[in-house]
Every structure is written in C-alpha cells, then in structure tokens.
Amino acid sequence: EDACAVVKHLAERGLIDERQAFIRGGSAGGYTTLCALAFHDVFRAGASLYGVSDPVALARATHKFEGDYLDWLIGDP
C-alpha cells in the first residue's frame, strides 16, 4: 500500500504520469511488487527479482535464528 500511495502522491503533484507507473523490487521488495500487482490497480507493469512469493513456506524454511528478521522484513505471515 505504501508503494501505491507514493504513485498517487507523485501523480497529484504532476511529477509522474500514473498511467505509466512501473514497480520493481528484489527479495522483500519483490514481495511488495507481487502484492502491489496482485491486489492494487496502480502499476502498469512490474518485475519481481528473486522476490518472496510464498511467505508461509519461507517462514517454515527459515532458521529460528533469522525468524525475527523475517518478521521485520515482510511481517508475520
């Protein structure tokens, strides 16, 4: 939702053409990209570079030592 809000904010100020907005991200940014494309009609296109596509599977496969970082990075799945 934050990425979508940025597009609307910039478009309202005439800084971008919101009809041409593109989103790209890697890792957690790739997850943001996938969510933005799947659940919002803001971006014309996007690219998820090695993005998280299944946060539940990632959480299950992540060592407990890194679990808190994962929660911080993409939230609690």
N, C-alpha and C. Protein backbone atom coordinates (compact mmCIF):
# COMPACT_ATOMS: atom_id res chain seq x y z
N GLU A 1 0.82 -1.20 0.00
CA GLU A 1 0.00 0.00 0.00
C GLU A 1 0.86 1.25 0.00
N ASP A 2 2.04 1.19 0.63
CA ASP A 2 2.92 2.37 0.64
C ASP A 2 3.38 2.72 -0.76
N ALA A 3 3.76 1.72 -1.54
CA ALA A 3 4.23 1.97 -2.90
C ALA A 3 3.12 2.58 -3.75
N CYS A 4 1.91 2.12 -3.56
CA CYS A 4 0.77 2.66 -4.30
C CYS A 4 0.51 4.10 -3.89
N ALA A 5 0.64 4.39 -2.61
CA ALA A 5 0.44 5.75 -2.11
C ALA A 5 1.47 6.71 -2.69
N VAL A 6 2.69 6.24 -2.87
CA VAL A 6 3.75 7.09 -3.45
C VAL A 6 3.38 7.47 -4.88
N VAL A 7 2.88 6.51 -5.66
CA VAL A 7 2.48 6.80 -7.04
C VAL A 7 1.40 7.87 -7.06
N LYS A 8 0.39 7.70 -6.23
CA LYS A 8 -0.70 8.68 -6.19
C LYS A 8 -0.20 10.05 -5.75
N HIS A 9 0.68 10.08 -4.77
CA HIS A 9 1.25 11.34 -4.27
C HIS A 9 2.02 12.06 -5.38
N LEU A 10 2.89 11.34 -6.07
CA LEU A 10 3.69 11.95 -7.14
C LEU A 10 2.82 12.39 -8.31
N ALA A 11 1.81 11.60 -8.64
CA ALA A 11 0.91 11.95 -9.74
C ALA A 11 0.10 13.20 -9.42
N GLU A 12 -0.37 13.32 -8.18
CA GLU A 12 -1.13 14.50 -7.77
C GLU A 12 -0.32 15.78 -7.91
N ARG A 13 0.98 15.66 -7.77
CA ARG A 13 1.86 16.82 -7.88
C ARG A 13 2.40 17.02 -9.30
N GLY A 14 1.94 16.20 -10.23
CA GLY A 14 2.34 16.33 -11.62
C GLY A 14 3.76 15.88 -11.91
N LEU A 15 4.34 15.10 -11.01
CA LEU A 15 5.72 14.66 -11.18
C LEU A 15 5.85 13.39 -12.03
N ILE A 16 4.78 12.62 -12.11
CA ILE A 16 4.79 11.40 -12.93
C ILE A 16 3.45 11.24 -13.61
N ASP A 17 3.44 10.43 -14.65
CA ASP A 17 2.19 10.02 -15.29
C ASP A 17 1.81 8.69 -14.66
N GLU A 18 0.79 8.69 -13.83
CA GLU A 18 0.45 7.47 -13.09
C GLU A 18 0.02 6.33 -14.00
N ARG A 19 -0.35 6.62 -15.24
CA ARG A 19 -0.72 5.56 -16.18
C ARG A 19 0.50 4.79 -16.66
N GLN A 20 1.69 5.31 -16.39
CA GLN A 20 2.93 4.67 -16.83
C GLN A 20 3.78 4.15 -15.66
N ALA A 21 3.19 4.05 -14.48
CA ALA A 21 3.95 3.64 -13.29
C ALA A 21 4.37 2.17 -13.39
N PHE A 22 5.61 1.92 -13.04
CA PHE A 22 6.22 0.59 -13.06
C PHE A 22 6.82 0.34 -11.69
N ILE A 23 6.74 -0.88 -11.21
CA ILE A 23 7.32 -1.22 -9.91
C ILE A 23 8.30 -2.37 -10.08
N ARG A 24 9.40 -2.30 -9.35
CA ARG A 24 10.41 -3.36 -9.40
C ARG A 24 11.01 -3.51 -8.01
N GLY A 25 11.30 -4.73 -7.62
CA GLY A 25 11.94 -4.94 -6.33
C GLY A 25 12.53 -6.33 -6.23
N GLY A 26 13.49 -6.46 -5.34
CA GLY A 26 14.14 -7.74 -5.10
C GLY A 26 13.96 -8.16 -3.66
N SER A 27 13.88 -9.45 -3.42
CA SER A 27 13.72 -10.02 -2.09
C SER A 27 12.41 -9.51 -1.48
N ALA A 28 12.46 -8.81 -0.36
CA ALA A 28 11.23 -8.28 0.24
C ALA A 28 10.58 -7.25 -0.68
N GLY A 29 11.41 -6.53 -1.44
CA GLY A 29 10.87 -5.59 -2.43
C GLY A 29 10.15 -6.32 -3.55
N GLY A 30 10.62 -7.52 -3.85
CA GLY A 30 9.92 -8.35 -4.83
C GLY A 30 8.56 -8.79 -4.31
N TYR A 31 8.49 -9.06 -3.02
CA TYR A 31 7.22 -9.40 -2.38
C TYR A 31 6.28 -8.20 -2.45
N THR A 32 6.80 -7.01 -2.17
CA THR A 32 6.00 -5.79 -2.29
C THR A 32 5.49 -5.64 -3.72
N THR A 33 6.36 -5.89 -4.67
CA THR A 33 5.99 -5.80 -6.08
C THR A 33 4.85 -6.76 -6.41
N LEU A 34 4.99 -8.01 -6.00
CA LEU A 34 3.95 -9.00 -6.28
C LEU A 34 2.62 -8.62 -5.64
N CYS A 35 2.66 -8.16 -4.40
CA CYS A 35 1.42 -7.76 -3.72
C CYS A 35 0.79 -6.54 -4.39
N ALA A 36 1.62 -5.57 -4.76
CA ALA A 36 1.09 -4.37 -5.41
C ALA A 36 0.42 -4.73 -6.74
N LEU A 37 1.02 -5.63 -7.49
CA LEU A 37 0.44 -6.02 -8.78
C LEU A 37 -0.81 -6.89 -8.60
N ALA A 38 -0.81 -7.72 -7.58
CA ALA A 38 -1.93 -8.65 -7.38
C ALA A 38 -3.16 -7.99 -6.75
N PHE A 39 -2.94 -7.05 -5.85
CA PHE A 39 -4.05 -6.53 -5.05
C PHE A 39 -4.42 -5.08 -5.32
N HIS A 40 -3.69 -4.40 -6.18
CA HIS A 40 -3.97 -2.99 -6.46
C HIS A 40 -3.88 -2.74 -7.96
N ASP A 41 -4.66 -1.80 -8.43
CA ASP A 41 -4.66 -1.45 -9.85
C ASP A 41 -3.98 -0.10 -10.04
N VAL A 42 -2.70 -0.05 -9.68
CA VAL A 42 -1.95 1.20 -9.72
C VAL A 42 -0.84 1.14 -10.77
N PHE A 43 -0.17 0.01 -10.86
CA PHE A 43 1.01 -0.11 -11.70
C PHE A 43 0.67 -0.74 -13.05
N ARG A 44 1.28 -0.20 -14.08
CA ARG A 44 1.09 -0.74 -15.43
C ARG A 44 1.81 -2.07 -15.59
N ALA A 45 2.97 -2.19 -14.95
CA ALA A 45 3.77 -3.41 -15.04
C ALA A 45 4.71 -3.47 -13.85
N GLY A 46 5.37 -4.60 -13.69
CA GLY A 46 6.32 -4.74 -12.60
C GLY A 46 7.24 -5.92 -12.81
N ALA A 47 8.31 -5.94 -12.03
CA ALA A 47 9.27 -7.04 -12.08
C ALA A 47 9.69 -7.39 -10.67
N SER A 48 9.48 -8.64 -10.31
CA SER A 48 9.91 -9.14 -9.01
C SER A 48 11.21 -9.91 -9.22
N LEU A 49 12.28 -9.40 -8.67
CA LEU A 49 13.59 -10.03 -8.82
C LEU A 49 13.88 -10.84 -7.56
N TYR A 50 13.94 -12.15 -7.69
CA TYR A 50 14.12 -13.09 -6.59
C TYR A 50 13.24 -12.74 -5.38
N GLY A 51 12.00 -12.38 -5.67
CA GLY A 51 11.07 -11.97 -4.62
C GLY A 51 10.48 -13.14 -3.85
N VAL A 52 10.03 -12.85 -2.67
CA VAL A 52 9.33 -13.83 -1.83
C VAL A 52 7.94 -14.01 -2.43
N SER A 53 7.61 -15.23 -2.84
CA SER A 53 6.29 -15.47 -3.41
C SER A 53 5.40 -16.29 -2.48
N ASP A 54 5.99 -16.93 -1.49
CA ASP A 54 5.23 -17.71 -0.53
C ASP A 54 5.81 -17.47 0.87
N PRO A 55 5.32 -16.42 1.57
CA PRO A 55 5.91 -16.09 2.87
C PRO A 55 5.74 -17.18 3.92
N VAL A 56 4.68 -17.96 3.83
CA VAL A 56 4.48 -19.04 4.81
C VAL A 56 5.55 -20.12 4.61
N ALA A 57 5.79 -20.51 3.37
CA ALA A 57 6.84 -21.50 3.10
C ALA A 57 8.20 -20.97 3.50
N LEU A 58 8.45 -19.69 3.25
CA LEU A 58 9.72 -19.09 3.64
C LEU A 58 9.88 -19.12 5.16
N ALA A 59 8.81 -18.79 5.88
CA ALA A 59 8.87 -18.79 7.35
C ALA A 59 9.16 -20.20 7.88
N ARG A 60 8.55 -21.20 7.27
CA ARG A 60 8.79 -22.58 7.70
C ARG A 60 10.23 -23.02 7.45
N ALA A 61 10.81 -22.53 6.36
CA ALA A 61 12.16 -22.95 5.97
C ALA A 61 13.25 -22.10 6.62
N THR A 62 12.88 -21.00 7.27
CA THR A 62 13.86 -20.10 7.85
C THR A 62 14.26 -20.58 9.24
N HIS A 63 15.55 -20.59 9.50
CA HIS A 63 16.06 -20.98 10.81
C HIS A 63 15.54 -20.01 11.87
N LYS A 64 15.27 -20.53 13.05
CA LYS A 64 14.72 -19.71 14.14
C LYS A 64 15.58 -18.48 14.42
N PHE A 65 16.88 -18.62 14.25
CA PHE A 65 17.80 -17.51 14.49
C PHE A 65 17.47 -16.31 13.60
N GLU A 66 16.99 -16.57 12.38
CA GLU A 66 16.66 -15.50 11.44
C GLU A 66 15.18 -15.14 11.44
N GLY A 67 14.38 -15.82 12.22
CA GLY A 67 12.94 -15.63 12.22
C GLY A 67 12.50 -14.21 12.54
N ASP A 68 13.13 -13.58 13.52
CA ASP A 68 12.76 -12.21 13.88
C ASP A 68 13.05 -11.24 12.74
N TYR A 69 14.15 -11.48 12.05
CA TYR A 69 14.48 -10.63 10.90
C TYR A 69 13.42 -10.77 9.82
N LEU A 70 12.96 -11.99 9.59
CA LEU A 70 11.94 -12.23 8.58
C LEU A 70 10.64 -11.51 8.95
N ASP A 71 10.26 -11.58 10.23
CA ASP A 71 9.06 -10.86 10.68
C ASP A 71 9.20 -9.36 10.44
N TRP A 72 10.38 -8.83 10.70
CA TRP A 72 10.62 -7.40 10.48
C TRP A 72 10.60 -7.06 8.99
N LEU A 73 11.14 -7.96 8.18
CA LEU A 73 11.30 -7.70 6.76
C LEU A 73 9.97 -7.71 6.01
N ILE A 74 9.15 -8.73 6.21
CA ILE A 74 7.90 -8.84 5.46
C ILE A 74 6.67 -8.96 6.34
N GLY A 75 6.83 -8.96 7.63
CA GLY A 75 5.69 -9.09 8.53
C GLY A 75 5.45 -10.53 8.92
N ASP A 76 4.53 -10.74 9.81
CA ASP A 76 4.19 -12.08 10.28
C ASP A 76 3.24 -12.73 9.27
N PRO A 77 3.70 -13.82 8.62
CA PRO A 77 2.84 -14.45 7.61
C PRO A 77 1.65 -15.12 8.28
